[in-house]
Amino acid sequence: GGRVHAGPRASVHERDGWRLTAFHAKTDADVHADHWEVHPEAE
């Protein structure tokens, strides 16, 4: 419906809608380089 909201980083329980997230990464640990990640619902 076009609603956009901003707030504190979404918790793992908040999974409704698309998320835009920006972050500073200084080391590989900041991007969990030791893990694979997948999003089955969307690109």
PDB file of all heavy atoms in Angstrom:
ATOM      1  N   GLY A   1       0.792  -1.213   0.000  1.00  0.00           N
ATOM      2  CA  GLY A   1       0.000   0.000   0.000  1.00  0.00           C
ATOM      3  C   GLY A   1       0.827   1.266   0.000  1.00  0.00           C
ATOM      4  O   GLY A   1       0.283   2.357   0.085  1.00  0.00           O
ATOM      5  N   GLY A   2       2.147   1.128  -0.052  1.00  0.00           N
ATOM      6  CA  GLY A   2       3.013   2.297  -0.158  1.00  0.00           C
ATOM      7  C   GLY A   2       3.441   2.912   1.155  1.00  0.00           C
ATOM      8  O   GLY A   2       4.124   3.931   1.161  1.00  0.00           O
ATOM      9  N   ARG A   3       3.099   2.318   2.277  1.00  0.00           N
ATOM     10  CA  ARG A   3       3.513   2.864   3.573  1.00  0.00           C
ATOM     11  C   ARG A   3       4.993   2.585   3.804  1.00  0.00           C
ATOM     12  O   ARG A   3       5.481   1.490   3.532  1.00  0.00           O
ATOM     13  CB  ARG A   3       2.690   2.259   4.702  1.00  0.00           C
ATOM     14  CG  ARG A   3       2.917   2.932   6.052  1.00  0.00           C
ATOM     15  CD  ARG A   3       1.959   2.403   7.102  1.00  0.00           C
ATOM     16  NE  ARG A   3       2.220   1.012   7.450  1.00  0.00           N
ATOM     17  CZ  ARG A   3       3.143   0.609   8.333  1.00  0.00           C
ATOM     18  NH1 ARG A   3       3.896   1.489   8.947  1.00  0.00           N
ATOM     19  NH2 ARG A   3       3.288  -0.679   8.586  1.00  0.00           N
ATOM     20  N   VAL A   4       5.711   3.609   4.281  1.00  0.00           N
ATOM     21  CA  VAL A   4       7.128   3.498   4.612  1.00  0.00           C
ATOM     22  C   VAL A   4       7.298   3.997   6.034  1.00  0.00           C
ATOM     23  O   VAL A   4       6.722   5.011   6.420  1.00  0.00           O
ATOM     24  CB  VAL A   4       7.994   4.357   3.644  1.00  0.00           C
ATOM     25  CG1 VAL A   4       9.455   4.314   4.056  1.00  0.00           C
ATOM     26  CG2 VAL A   4       7.816   3.909   2.204  1.00  0.00           C
ATOM     27  N   HIS A   5       8.074   3.270   6.828  1.00  0.00           N
ATOM     28  CA  HIS A   5       8.365   3.765   8.173  1.00  0.00           C
ATOM     29  C   HIS A   5       9.813   3.485   8.514  1.00  0.00           C
ATOM     30  O   HIS A   5      10.434   2.566   7.970  1.00  0.00           O
ATOM     31  CB  HIS A   5       7.425   3.143   9.219  1.00  0.00           C
ATOM     32  CG  HIS A   5       7.858   1.794   9.697  1.00  0.00           C
ATOM     33  ND1 HIS A   5       7.588   0.642   9.011  1.00  0.00           N
ATOM     34  CD2 HIS A   5       8.570   1.427  10.782  1.00  0.00           C
ATOM     35  CE1 HIS A   5       8.110  -0.384   9.658  1.00  0.00           C
ATOM     36  NE2 HIS A   5       8.705   0.059  10.737  1.00  0.00           N
ATOM     37  N   ALA A   6      10.349   4.325   9.396  1.00  0.00           N
ATOM     38  CA  ALA A   6      11.713   4.149   9.887  1.00  0.00           C
ATOM     39  C   ALA A   6      11.659   3.982  11.388  1.00  0.00           C
ATOM     40  O   ALA A   6      10.803   4.564  12.059  1.00  0.00           O
ATOM     41  CB  ALA A   6      12.569   5.351   9.523  1.00  0.00           C
ATOM     42  N   GLY A   7      12.565   3.186  11.891  1.00  0.00           N
ATOM     43  CA  GLY A   7      12.633   2.982  13.329  1.00  0.00           C
ATOM     44  C   GLY A   7      13.905   2.270  13.690  1.00  0.00           C
ATOM     45  O   GLY A   7      14.770   2.043  12.830  1.00  0.00           O
ATOM     46  N   PRO A   8      14.042   1.904  14.951  1.00  0.00           N
ATOM     47  CA  PRO A   8      15.230   1.156  15.369  1.00  0.00           C
ATOM     48  C   PRO A   8      15.372  -0.113  14.536  1.00  0.00           C
ATOM     49  O   PRO A   8      14.393  -0.612  13.985  1.00  0.00           O
ATOM     50  CB  PRO A   8      14.945   0.820  16.833  1.00  0.00           C
ATOM     51  CG  PRO A   8      13.878   1.765  17.255  1.00  0.00           C
ATOM     52  CD  PRO A   8      13.091   2.105  16.024  1.00  0.00           C
ATOM     53  N   ARG A   9      16.584  -0.619  14.442  1.00  0.00           N
ATOM     54  CA  ARG A   9      16.812  -1.846  13.675  1.00  0.00           C
ATOM     55  C   ARG A   9      15.738  -2.867  13.986  1.00  0.00           C
ATOM     56  O   ARG A   9      15.416  -3.112  15.150  1.00  0.00           O
ATOM     57  CB  ARG A   9      18.174  -2.454  14.004  1.00  0.00           C
ATOM     58  CG  ARG A   9      19.335  -1.617  13.599  1.00  0.00           C
ATOM     59  CD  ARG A   9      19.616  -1.826  12.154  1.00  0.00           C
ATOM     60  NE  ARG A   9      20.754  -0.978  11.805  1.00  0.00           N
ATOM     61  CZ  ARG A   9      21.235  -0.877  10.617  1.00  0.00           C
ATOM     62  NH1 ARG A   9      20.708  -1.577   9.643  1.00  0.00           N
ATOM     63  NH2 ARG A   9      22.234  -0.090  10.349  1.00  0.00           N
ATOM     64  N   ALA A  10      15.168  -3.461  12.940  1.00  0.00           N
ATOM     65  CA  ALA A  10      14.096  -4.442  13.118  1.00  0.00           C
ATOM     66  C   ALA A  10      14.633  -5.656  13.870  1.00  0.00           C
ATOM     67  O   ALA A  10      15.732  -6.123  13.609  1.00  0.00           O
ATOM     68  CB  ALA A  10      13.550  -4.860  11.763  1.00  0.00           C
ATOM     69  N   SER A  11      13.834  -6.136  14.810  1.00  0.00           N
ATOM     70  CA  SER A  11      14.221  -7.353  15.516  1.00  0.00           C
ATOM     71  C   SER A  11      13.953  -8.534  14.588  1.00  0.00           C
ATOM     72  O   SER A  11      13.259  -8.415  13.588  1.00  0.00           O
ATOM     73  CB  SER A  11      13.413  -7.489  16.807  1.00  0.00           C
ATOM     74  OG  SER A  11      12.084  -7.841  16.496  1.00  0.00           O
ATOM     75  N   VAL A  12      14.486  -9.677  14.954  1.00  0.00           N
ATOM     76  CA  VAL A  12      14.276 -10.871  14.131  1.00  0.00           C
ATOM     77  C   VAL A  12      12.805 -11.238  14.042  1.00  0.00           C
ATOM     78  O   VAL A  12      12.401 -11.943  13.137  1.00  0.00           O
ATOM     79  CB  VAL A  12      15.099 -12.082  14.629  1.00  0.00           C
ATOM     80  CG1 VAL A  12      16.565 -11.885  14.390  1.00  0.00           C
ATOM     81  CG2 VAL A  12      14.813 -12.362  16.084  1.00  0.00           C
ATOM     82  N   HIS A  13      11.993 -10.751  14.977  1.00  0.00           N
ATOM     83  CA  HIS A  13      10.570 -11.072  14.972  1.00  0.00           C
ATOM     84  C   HIS A  13       9.777 -10.183  14.024  1.00  0.00           C
ATOM     85  O   HIS A  13       8.671 -10.524  13.652  1.00  0.00           O
ATOM     86  CB  HIS A  13      10.007 -10.981  16.384  1.00  0.00           C
ATOM     87  CG  HIS A  13      10.722 -11.878  17.342  1.00  0.00           C
ATOM     88  ND1 HIS A  13      10.675 -13.243  17.250  1.00  0.00           N
ATOM     89  CD2 HIS A  13      11.536 -11.597  18.376  1.00  0.00           C
ATOM     90  CE1 HIS A  13      11.415 -13.781  18.204  1.00  0.00           C
ATOM     91  NE2 HIS A  13      11.946 -12.807  18.896  1.00  0.00           N
ATOM     92  N   GLU A  14      10.323  -9.026  13.641  1.00  0.00           N
ATOM     93  CA  GLU A  14       9.628  -8.138  12.716  1.00  0.00           C
ATOM     94  C   GLU A  14       9.993  -8.536  11.293  1.00  0.00           C
ATOM     95  O   GLU A  14      11.051  -8.207  10.804  1.00  0.00           O
ATOM     96  CB  GLU A  14      10.034  -6.687  12.957  1.00  0.00           C
ATOM     97  CG  GLU A  14       9.434  -6.078  14.197  1.00  0.00           C
ATOM     98  CD  GLU A  14       9.751  -4.602  14.271  1.00  0.00           C
ATOM     99  OE1 GLU A  14       9.355  -3.859  13.356  1.00  0.00           O
ATOM    100  OE2 GLU A  14      10.406  -4.215  15.231  1.00  0.00           O
ATOM    101  N   ARG A  15       9.117  -9.246  10.634  1.00  0.00           N
ATOM    102  CA  ARG A  15       9.405  -9.780   9.301  1.00  0.00           C
ATOM    103  C   ARG A  15       8.392  -9.319   8.264  1.00  0.00           C
ATOM    104  O   ARG A  15       8.322  -9.858   7.183  1.00  0.00           O
ATOM    105  CB  ARG A  15       9.434 -11.308   9.341  1.00  0.00           C
ATOM    106  CG  ARG A  15      10.484 -11.880  10.262  1.00  0.00           C
ATOM    107  CD  ARG A  15      11.815 -11.801   9.628  1.00  0.00           C
ATOM    108  NE  ARG A  15      12.793 -12.536  10.417  1.00  0.00           N
ATOM    109  CZ  ARG A  15      14.062 -12.556  10.134  1.00  0.00           C
ATOM    110  NH1 ARG A  15      14.520 -11.907   9.111  1.00  0.00           N
ATOM    111  NH2 ARG A  15      14.898 -13.230  10.878  1.00  0.00           N
ATOM    112  N   ASP A  16       7.582  -8.313   8.578  1.00  0.00           N
ATOM    113  CA  ASP A  16       6.544  -7.850   7.672  1.00  0.00           C
ATOM    114  C   ASP A  16       7.099  -6.810   6.710  1.00  0.00           C
ATOM    115  O   ASP A  16       7.629  -5.793   7.133  1.00  0.00           O
ATOM    116  CB  ASP A  16       5.384  -7.245   8.478  1.00  0.00           C
ATOM    117  CG  ASP A  16       4.295  -6.702   7.562  1.00  0.00           C
ATOM    118  OD1 ASP A  16       3.967  -7.376   6.577  1.00  0.00           O
ATOM    119  OD2 ASP A  16       3.784  -5.604   7.843  1.00  0.00           O
ATOM    120  N   GLY A  17       6.991  -7.053   5.439  1.00  0.00           N
ATOM    121  CA  GLY A  17       7.404  -6.074   4.432  1.00  0.00           C
ATOM    122  C   GLY A  17       8.891  -6.113   4.119  1.00  0.00           C
ATOM    123  O   GLY A  17       9.665  -6.839   4.716  1.00  0.00           O
ATOM    124  N   TRP A  18       9.255  -5.312   3.146  1.00  0.00           N
ATOM    125  CA  TRP A  18      10.636  -5.180   2.705  1.00  0.00           C
ATOM    126  C   TRP A  18      11.414  -4.331   3.704  1.00  0.00           C
ATOM    127  O   TRP A  18      10.848  -3.470   4.363  1.00  0.00           O
ATOM    128  CB  TRP A  18      10.679  -4.520   1.334  1.00  0.00           C
ATOM    129  CG  TRP A  18      10.209  -5.432   0.248  1.00  0.00           C
ATOM    130  CD1 TRP A  18       8.915  -5.721  -0.069  1.00  0.00           C
ATOM    131  CD2 TRP A  18      11.021  -6.160  -0.651  1.00  0.00           C
ATOM    132  NE1 TRP A  18       8.875  -6.604  -1.117  1.00  0.00           N
ATOM    133  CE2 TRP A  18      10.157  -6.893  -1.499  1.00  0.00           C
ATOM    134  CE3 TRP A  18      12.387  -6.282  -0.824  1.00  0.00           C
ATOM    135  CZ2 TRP A  18      10.638  -7.721  -2.506  1.00  0.00           C
ATOM    136  CZ3 TRP A  18      12.860  -7.106  -1.828  1.00  0.00           C
ATOM    137  CH2 TRP A  18      11.993  -7.817  -2.656  1.00  0.00           C
ATOM    138  N   ARG A  19      12.723  -4.563   3.788  1.00  0.00           N
ATOM    139  CA  ARG A  19      13.591  -3.805   4.685  1.00  0.00           C
ATOM    140  C   ARG A  19      14.775  -3.228   3.912  1.00  0.00           C
ATOM    141  O   ARG A  19      15.408  -3.916   3.112  1.00  0.00           O
ATOM    142  CB  ARG A  19      14.165  -4.690   5.787  1.00  0.00           C
ATOM    143  CG  ARG A  19      13.159  -5.173   6.778  1.00  0.00           C
ATOM    144  CD  ARG A  19      12.813  -4.082   7.792  1.00  0.00           C
ATOM    145  NE  ARG A  19      11.828  -4.567   8.724  1.00  0.00           N
ATOM    146  CZ  ARG A  19      10.547  -4.216   8.697  1.00  0.00           C
ATOM    147  NH1 ARG A  19      10.094  -3.401   7.788  1.00  0.00           N
ATOM    148  NH2 ARG A  19       9.705  -4.687   9.584  1.00  0.00           N
ATOM    149  N   LEU A  20      15.037  -1.965   4.174  1.00  0.00           N
ATOM    150  CA  LEU A  20      16.251  -1.304   3.690  1.00  0.00           C
ATOM    151  C   LEU A  20      17.126  -1.094   4.912  1.00  0.00           C
ATOM    152  O   LEU A  20      16.684  -0.510   5.904  1.00  0.00           O
ATOM    153  CB  LEU A  20      15.910   0.037   3.046  1.00  0.00           C
ATOM    154  CG  LEU A  20      17.091   0.815   2.472  1.00  0.00           C
ATOM    155  CD1 LEU A  20      16.634   1.649   1.288  1.00  0.00           C
ATOM    156  CD2 LEU A  20      17.783   1.677   3.492  1.00  0.00           C
ATOM    157  N   THR A  21      18.339  -1.613   4.842  1.00  0.00           N
ATOM    158  CA  THR A  21      19.274  -1.523   5.956  1.00  0.00           C
ATOM    159  C   THR A  21      20.632  -1.093   5.434  1.00  0.00           C
ATOM    160  O   THR A  21      21.106  -1.614   4.424  1.00  0.00           O
ATOM    161  CB  THR A  21      19.417  -2.892   6.651  1.00  0.00           C
ATOM    162  OG1 THR A  21      18.118  -3.391   6.966  1.00  0.00           O
ATOM    163  CG2 THR A  21      20.231  -2.787   7.918  1.00  0.00           C
ATOM    164  N   ALA A  22      21.265  -0.142   6.120  1.00  0.00           N
ATOM    165  CA  ALA A  22      22.625   0.280   5.789  1.00  0.00           C
ATOM    166  C   ALA A  22      23.497   0.047   7.017  1.00  0.00           C
ATOM    167  O   ALA A  22      23.030   0.194   8.148  1.00  0.00           O
ATOM    168  CB  ALA A  22      22.655   1.751   5.379  1.00  0.00           C
ATOM    169  N   PHE A  23      24.747  -0.334   6.800  1.00  0.00           N
ATOM    170  CA  PHE A  23      25.612  -0.569   7.943  1.00  0.00           C
ATOM    171  C   PHE A  23      27.071  -0.330   7.596  1.00  0.00           C
ATOM    172  O   PHE A  23      27.483  -0.446   6.442  1.00  0.00           O
ATOM    173  CB  PHE A  23      25.411  -1.971   8.530  1.00  0.00           C
ATOM    174  CG  PHE A  23      25.483  -3.090   7.538  1.00  0.00           C
ATOM    175  CD1 PHE A  23      26.644  -3.800   7.355  1.00  0.00           C
ATOM    176  CD2 PHE A  23      24.366  -3.448   6.796  1.00  0.00           C
ATOM    177  CE1 PHE A  23      26.710  -4.837   6.437  1.00  0.00           C
ATOM    178  CE2 PHE A  23      24.417  -4.486   5.884  1.00  0.00           C
ATOM    179  CZ  PHE A  23      25.598  -5.175   5.702  1.00  0.00           C
ATOM    180  N   HIS A  24      27.821   0.046   8.636  1.00  0.00           N
ATOM    181  CA  HIS A  24      29.276   0.182   8.552  1.00  0.00           C
ATOM    182  C   HIS A  24      29.861  -1.210   8.828  1.00  0.00           C
ATOM    183  O   HIS A  24      29.453  -1.868   9.772  1.00  0.00           O
ATOM    184  CB  HIS A  24      29.819   1.126   9.627  1.00  0.00           C
ATOM    185  CG  HIS A  24      29.260   2.508   9.598  1.00  0.00           C
ATOM    186  ND1 HIS A  24      29.554   3.406   8.601  1.00  0.00           N
ATOM    187  CD2 HIS A  24      28.443   3.157  10.450  1.00  0.00           C
ATOM    188  CE1 HIS A  24      28.932   4.548   8.847  1.00  0.00           C
ATOM    189  NE2 HIS A  24      28.245   4.424   9.956  1.00  0.00           N
ATOM    190  N   ALA A  25      30.806  -1.635   8.032  1.00  0.00           N
ATOM    191  CA  ALA A  25      31.467  -2.918   8.260  1.00  0.00           C
ATOM    192  C   ALA A  25      32.969  -2.687   8.283  1.00  0.00           C
ATOM    193  O   ALA A  25      33.545  -2.244   7.289  1.00  0.00           O
ATOM    194  CB  ALA A  25      31.096  -3.910   7.173  1.00  0.00           C
ATOM    195  N   LYS A  26      33.589  -2.955   9.425  1.00  0.00           N
ATOM    196  CA  LYS A  26      35.034  -2.766   9.560  1.00  0.00           C
ATOM    197  C   LYS A  26      35.794  -4.073   9.370  1.00  0.00           C
ATOM    198  O   LYS A  26      36.916  -4.082   8.908  1.00  0.00           O
ATOM    199  CB  LYS A  26      35.366  -2.162  10.920  1.00  0.00           C
ATOM    200  CG  LYS A  26      34.848  -0.743  11.076  1.00  0.00           C
ATOM    201  CD  LYS A  26      35.197  -0.176  12.430  1.00  0.00           C
ATOM    202  CE  LYS A  26      34.622   1.220  12.563  1.00  0.00           C
ATOM    203  NZ  LYS A  26      34.832   1.767  13.895  1.00  0.00           N
ATOM    204  N   THR A  27      35.151  -5.189   9.768  1.00  0.00           N
ATOM    205  CA  THR A  27      35.796  -6.501   9.651  1.00  0.00           C
ATOM    206  C   THR A  27      34.808  -7.506   9.068  1.00  0.00           C
ATOM    207  O   THR A  27      33.591  -7.255   9.041  1.00  0.00           O
ATOM    208  CB  THR A  27      36.266  -7.028  11.025  1.00  0.00           C
ATOM    209  OG1 THR A  27      35.107  -7.367  11.802  1.00  0.00           O
ATOM    210  CG2 THR A  27      37.119  -5.999  11.765  1.00  0.00           C
ATOM    211  N   ASP A  28      35.315  -8.647   8.653  1.00  0.00           N
ATOM    212  CA  ASP A  28      34.447  -9.703   8.125  1.00  0.00           C
ATOM    213  C   ASP A  28      33.408 -10.150   9.150  1.00  0.00           C
ATOM    214  O   ASP A  28      32.309 -10.574   8.789  1.00  0.00           O
ATOM    215  CB  ASP A  28      35.275 -10.897   7.659  1.00  0.00           C
ATOM    216  CG  ASP A  28      35.937 -10.666   6.307  1.00  0.00           C
ATOM    217  OD1 ASP A  28      35.497  -9.767   5.565  1.00  0.00           O
ATOM    218  OD2 ASP A  28      36.905 -11.384   6.000  1.00  0.00           O
ATOM    219  N   ALA A  29      33.732 -10.032  10.438  1.00  0.00           N
ATOM    220  CA  ALA A  29      32.761 -10.405  11.480  1.00  0.00           C
ATOM    221  C   ALA A  29      31.514  -9.524  11.410  1.00  0.00           C
ATOM    222  O   ALA A  29      30.414  -9.978  11.724  1.00  0.00           O
ATOM    223  CB  ALA A  29      33.411 -10.299  12.859  1.00  0.00           C
ATOM    224  N   ASP A  30      31.662  -8.276  10.968  1.00  0.00           N
ATOM    225  CA  ASP A  30      30.521  -7.362  10.868  1.00  0.00           C
ATOM    226  C   ASP A  30      29.526  -7.782   9.784  1.00  0.00           C
ATOM    227  O   ASP A  30      28.387  -7.316   9.780  1.00  0.00           O
ATOM    228  CB  ASP A  30      30.991  -5.930  10.587  1.00  0.00           C
ATOM    229  CG  ASP A  30      31.791  -5.343  11.723  1.00  0.00           C
ATOM    230  OD1 ASP A  30      31.562  -5.719  12.892  1.00  0.00           O
ATOM    231  OD2 ASP A  30      32.674  -4.500  11.443  1.00  0.00           O
ATOM    232  N   VAL A  31      29.953  -8.632   8.849  1.00  0.00           N
ATOM    233  CA  VAL A  31      29.072  -9.088   7.764  1.00  0.00           C
ATOM    234  C   VAL A  31      28.855 -10.601   7.827  1.00  0.00           C
ATOM    235  O   VAL A  31      28.484 -11.216   6.843  1.00  0.00           O
ATOM    236  CB  VAL A  31      29.616  -8.666   6.367  1.00  0.00           C
ATOM    237  CG1 VAL A  31      29.552  -7.170   6.201  1.00  0.00           C
ATOM    238  CG2 VAL A  31      31.035  -9.184   6.127  1.00  0.00           C
ATOM    239  N   HIS A  32      29.098 -11.178   9.000  1.00  0.00           N
ATOM    240  CA  HIS A  32      28.997 -12.626   9.237  1.00  0.00           C
ATOM    241  C   HIS A  32      29.532 -13.426   8.044  1.00  0.00           C
ATOM    242  O   HIS A  32      28.853 -14.290   7.493  1.00  0.00           O
ATOM    243  CB  HIS A  32      27.585 -13.052   9.667  1.00  0.00           C
ATOM    244  CG  HIS A  32      26.467 -12.674   8.741  1.00  0.00           C
ATOM    245  ND1 HIS A  32      26.200 -13.338   7.591  1.00  0.00           N
ATOM    246  CD2 HIS A  32      25.539 -11.690   8.819  1.00  0.00           C
ATOM    247  CE1 HIS A  32      25.167 -12.794   6.977  1.00  0.00           C
ATOM    248  NE2 HIS A  32      24.750 -11.797   7.707  1.00  0.00           N
ATOM    249  N   ALA A  33      30.794 -13.125   7.671  1.00  0.00           N
ATOM    250  CA  ALA A  33      31.427 -13.786   6.525  1.00  0.00           C
ATOM    251  C   ALA A  33      31.581 -15.288   6.727  1.00  0.00           C
ATOM    252  O   ALA A  33      31.777 -16.032   5.760  1.00  0.00           O
ATOM    253  CB  ALA A  33      32.798 -13.151   6.243  1.00  0.00           C
ATOM    254  N   ASP A  34      31.487 -15.738   7.979  1.00  0.00           N
ATOM    255  CA  ASP A  34      31.612 -17.166   8.270  1.00  0.00           C
ATOM    256  C   ASP A  34      30.285 -17.910   8.160  1.00  0.00           C
ATOM    257  O   ASP A  34      30.172 -19.068   8.536  1.00  0.00           O
ATOM    258  CB  ASP A  34      32.229 -17.376   9.650  1.00  0.00           C
ATOM    259  CG  ASP A  34      31.378 -16.793  10.766  1.00  0.00           C
ATOM    260  OD1 ASP A  34      30.523 -15.921  10.486  1.00  0.00           O
ATOM    261  OD2 ASP A  34      31.577 -17.206  11.927  1.00  0.00           O
ATOM    262  N   HIS A  35      29.249 -17.218   7.642  1.00  0.00           N
ATOM    263  CA  HIS A  35      27.928 -17.819   7.458  1.00  0.00           C
ATOM    264  C   HIS A  35      27.413 -17.580   6.037  1.00  0.00           C
ATOM    265  O   HIS A  35      27.688 -16.541   5.441  1.00  0.00           O
ATOM    266  CB  HIS A  35      26.906 -17.197   8.423  1.00  0.00           C
ATOM    267  CG  HIS A  35      27.004 -17.706   9.802  1.00  0.00           C
ATOM    268  ND1 HIS A  35      28.001 -17.312  10.670  1.00  0.00           N
ATOM    269  CD2 HIS A  35      26.227 -18.576  10.496  1.00  0.00           C
ATOM    270  CE1 HIS A  35      27.826 -17.913  11.831  1.00  0.00           C
ATOM    271  NE2 HIS A  35      26.764 -18.691  11.748  1.00  0.00           N
ATOM    272  N   TRP A  36      26.663 -18.532   5.540  1.00  0.00           N
ATOM    273  CA  TRP A  36      25.882 -18.346   4.330  1.00  0.00           C
ATOM    274  C   TRP A  36      24.522 -17.799   4.748  1.00  0.00           C
ATOM    275  O   TRP A  36      24.038 -18.101   5.839  1.00  0.00           O
ATOM    276  CB  TRP A  36      25.681 -19.674   3.598  1.00  0.00           C
ATOM    277  CG  TRP A  36      26.933 -20.222   3.004  1.00  0.00           C
ATOM    278  CD1 TRP A  36      27.679 -21.263   3.487  1.00  0.00           C
ATOM    279  CD2 TRP A  36      27.583 -19.785   1.810  1.00  0.00           C
ATOM    280  NE1 TRP A  36      28.755 -21.480   2.667  1.00  0.00           N
ATOM    281  CE2 TRP A  36      28.724 -20.594   1.629  1.00  0.00           C
ATOM    282  CE3 TRP A  36      27.322 -18.781   0.879  1.00  0.00           C
ATOM    283  CZ2 TRP A  36      29.591 -20.437   0.560  1.00  0.00           C
ATOM    284  CZ3 TRP A  36      28.189 -18.623  -0.189  1.00  0.00           C
ATOM    285  CH2 TRP A  36      29.306 -19.445  -0.348  1.00  0.00           C
ATOM    286  N   GLU A  37      23.905 -17.021   3.871  1.00  0.00           N
ATOM    287  CA  GLU A  37      22.584 -16.447   4.128  1.00  0.00           C
ATOM    288  C   GLU A  37      21.715 -16.693   2.905  1.00  0.00           C
ATOM    289  O   GLU A  37      22.212 -16.708   1.780  1.00  0.00           O
ATOM    290  CB  GLU A  37      22.748 -14.944   4.360  1.00  0.00           C
ATOM    291  CG  GLU A  37      21.467 -14.192   4.574  1.00  0.00           C
ATOM    292  CD  GLU A  37      21.720 -12.712   4.824  1.00  0.00           C
ATOM    293  OE1 GLU A  37      22.452 -12.081   4.041  1.00  0.00           O
ATOM    294  OE2 GLU A  37      21.157 -12.206   5.805  1.00  0.00           O
ATOM    295  N   VAL A  38      20.413 -16.881   3.121  1.00  0.00           N
ATOM    296  CA  VAL A  38      19.488 -17.071   2.005  1.00  0.00           C
ATOM    297  C   VAL A  38      18.176 -16.362   2.325  1.00  0.00           C
ATOM    298  O   VAL A  38      17.764 -16.284   3.485  1.00  0.00           O
ATOM    299  CB  VAL A  38      19.244 -18.569   1.706  1.00  0.00           C
ATOM    300  CG1 VAL A  38      18.487 -19.256   2.828  1.00  0.00           C
ATOM    301  CG2 VAL A  38      18.549 -18.759   0.366  1.00  0.00           C
ATOM    302  N   HIS A  39      17.540 -15.831   1.275  1.00  0.00           N
ATOM    303  CA  HIS A  39      16.227 -15.194   1.375  1.00  0.00           C
ATOM    304  C   HIS A  39      15.292 -15.918   0.406  1.00  0.00           C
ATOM    305  O   HIS A  39      15.304 -15.643  -0.794  1.00  0.00           O
ATOM    306  CB  HIS A  39      16.315 -13.701   1.025  1.00  0.00           C
ATOM    307  CG  HIS A  39      17.391 -12.992   1.777  1.00  0.00           C
ATOM    308  ND1 HIS A  39      17.286 -12.692   3.113  1.00  0.00           N
ATOM    309  CD2 HIS A  39      18.605 -12.549   1.383  1.00  0.00           C
ATOM    310  CE1 HIS A  39      18.384 -12.080   3.505  1.00  0.00           C
ATOM    311  NE2 HIS A  39      19.203 -11.988   2.479  1.00  0.00           N
ATOM    312  N   PRO A  40      14.496 -16.868   0.900  1.00  0.00           N
ATOM    313  CA  PRO A  40      13.668 -17.685   0.019  1.00  0.00           C
ATOM    314  C   PRO A  40      12.450 -16.965  -0.557  1.00  0.00           C
ATOM    315  O   PRO A  40      11.891 -17.412  -1.546  1.00  0.00           O
ATOM    316  CB  PRO A  40      13.236 -18.843   0.912  1.00  0.00           C
ATOM    317  CG  PRO A  40      13.322 -18.320   2.296  1.00  0.00           C
ATOM    318  CD  PRO A  40      14.436 -17.311   2.285  1.00  0.00           C
ATOM    319  N   GLU A  41      12.060 -15.837   0.022  1.00  0.00           N
ATOM    320  CA  GLU A  41      10.840 -15.152  -0.398  1.00  0.00           C
ATOM    321  C   GLU A  41      11.059 -14.106  -1.489  1.00  0.00           C
ATOM    322  O   GLU A  41      10.100 -13.679  -2.125  1.00  0.00           O
ATOM    323  CB  GLU A  41      10.177 -14.483   0.812  1.00  0.00           C
ATOM    324  CG  GLU A  41       9.769 -15.454   1.898  1.00  0.00           C
ATOM    325  CD  GLU A  41       8.542 -16.258   1.537  1.00  0.00           C
ATOM    326  OE1 GLU A  41       7.680 -15.742   0.804  1.00  0.00           O
ATOM    327  OE2 GLU A  41       8.444 -17.410   1.993  1.00  0.00           O
ATOM    328  N   ALA A  42      12.309 -13.636  -1.677  1.00  0.00           N
ATOM    329  CA  ALA A  42      12.545 -12.544  -2.631  1.00  0.00           C
ATOM    330  C   ALA A  42      14.028 -12.405  -2.951  1.00  0.00           C
ATOM    331  O   ALA A  42      14.883 -12.935  -2.242  1.00  0.00           O
ATOM    332  CB  ALA A  42      12.034 -11.219  -2.059  1.00  0.00           C
ATOM    333  N   GLU A  43      14.301 -11.675  -3.991  1.00  0.00           N
ATOM    334  CA  GLU A  43      15.669 -11.314  -4.324  1.00  0.00           C
ATOM    335  C   GLU A  43      16.157 -10.282  -3.313  1.00  0.00           C
ATOM    336  O   GLU A  43      15.370  -9.729  -2.540  1.00  0.00           O
ATOM    337  CB  GLU A  43      15.727 -10.733  -5.739  1.00  0.00           C
ATOM    338  CG  GLU A  43      15.328 -11.755  -6.777  1.00  0.00           C
ATOM    339  CD  GLU A  43      15.202 -11.181  -8.176  1.00  0.00           C
ATOM    340  OE1 GLU A  43      14.849  -9.998  -8.323  1.00  0.00           O
ATOM    341  OE2 GLU A  43      15.450 -11.940  -9.123  1.00  0.00           O
TER     342      GLU A  43
END
